[in-house]
Amino acid sequence: MQIQERNRISLDVSEVVASHLDHIGVVTGQTRSAIVASALLDALPDYLARADALKKRHSELSQAKKK
């Protein structure tokens, strides 16, 4: 059995978000942490693509200023 190394983060959410997470937890049986981790993993490819696009655009603007 392989133990997966994990990093812990702290996250502050509004009462509304906490309420939604609690509702999802009641329906799915998952903890708040599991719900947030799953949602983050699902959204990660889009976040990475957006970050890469911003980095590319920043590079393009920097190059344009040098000309």
Protein backbone atom coordinates (compact mmCIF):
# COMPACT_ATOMS: atom_id res chain seq x y z
CA MET A 1 0.00 0.00 0.00
CA GLN A 2 1.44 3.35 -1.08
CA ILE A 3 0.88 6.38 1.14
CA GLN A 4 0.13 9.50 -0.90
CA GLU A 5 1.86 12.63 0.36
CA ARG A 6 -0.61 15.46 0.90
CA ASN A 7 -0.35 19.14 1.75
CA ARG A 8 -2.83 20.81 4.04
CA ILE A 9 -4.26 24.27 3.36
CA SER A 10 -6.58 26.49 5.33
CA LEU A 11 -9.57 28.04 3.58
CA ASP A 12 -11.98 30.67 4.87
CA VAL A 13 -15.42 30.66 3.25
CA SER A 14 -18.57 32.70 3.74
CA GLU A 15 -21.55 31.35 5.66
CA VAL A 16 -23.38 30.85 2.36
CA VAL A 17 -20.57 28.73 0.91
CA ALA A 18 -20.33 26.73 4.15
CA SER A 19 -24.08 26.15 4.02
CA HIS A 20 -23.87 24.92 0.43
CA LEU A 21 -20.99 22.60 1.33
CA ASP A 22 -23.01 21.25 4.27
CA HIS A 23 -26.00 20.63 1.99
CA ILE A 24 -23.83 18.81 -0.56
CA GLY A 25 -22.30 16.82 2.30
CA VAL A 26 -25.69 15.69 3.56
CA VAL A 27 -26.68 14.57 0.06
CA THR A 28 -23.36 12.90 -0.85
CA GLY A 29 -22.04 11.83 2.53
CA GLN A 30 -18.75 13.62 1.85
CA THR A 31 -16.93 15.98 4.19
CA ARG A 32 -16.48 19.64 3.35
CA SER A 33 -12.80 18.99 2.70
CA ALA A 34 -13.55 16.16 0.30
CA ILE A 35 -16.07 18.28 -1.60
CA VAL A 36 -13.65 21.22 -1.95
CA ALA A 37 -10.75 18.94 -2.93
CA SER A 38 -12.87 17.25 -5.59
CA ALA A 39 -14.13 20.57 -6.96
CA LEU A 40 -10.58 21.94 -7.09
CA LEU A 41 -9.29 18.88 -8.93
CA ASP A 42 -12.16 19.13 -11.42
CA ALA A 43 -11.43 22.83 -12.06
CA LEU A 44 -7.62 22.59 -12.05
CA PRO A 45 -7.15 22.09 -15.82
CA ASP A 46 -9.13 25.27 -16.51
CA TYR A 47 -7.18 27.23 -13.87
CA LEU A 48 -3.90 26.05 -15.37
CA ALA A 49 -5.00 27.02 -18.88
CA ARG A 50 -6.03 30.48 -17.67
CA ALA A 51 -2.73 30.96 -15.85
CA ASP A 52 -0.78 29.89 -18.94
CA ALA A 53 -2.82 32.27 -21.13
CA LEU A 54 -2.15 35.15 -18.71
CA LYS A 55 1.56 34.34 -18.67
CA LYS A 56 1.65 34.25 -22.48
CA ARG A 57 -0.23 37.55 -22.75
CA HIS A 58 2.08 39.17 -20.21
CA SER A 59 5.08 38.00 -22.22
CA GLU A 60 3.56 39.37 -25.43
CA LEU A 61 2.91 42.76 -23.83
CA SER A 62 6.43 42.88 -22.40
CA GLN A 63 7.89 42.14 -25.83
CA ALA A 64 5.73 44.80 -27.46
CA LYS A 65 6.95 47.44 -24.98
CA LYS A 66 10.58 46.64 -25.80
CA LYS A 67 10.06 47.37 -29.52
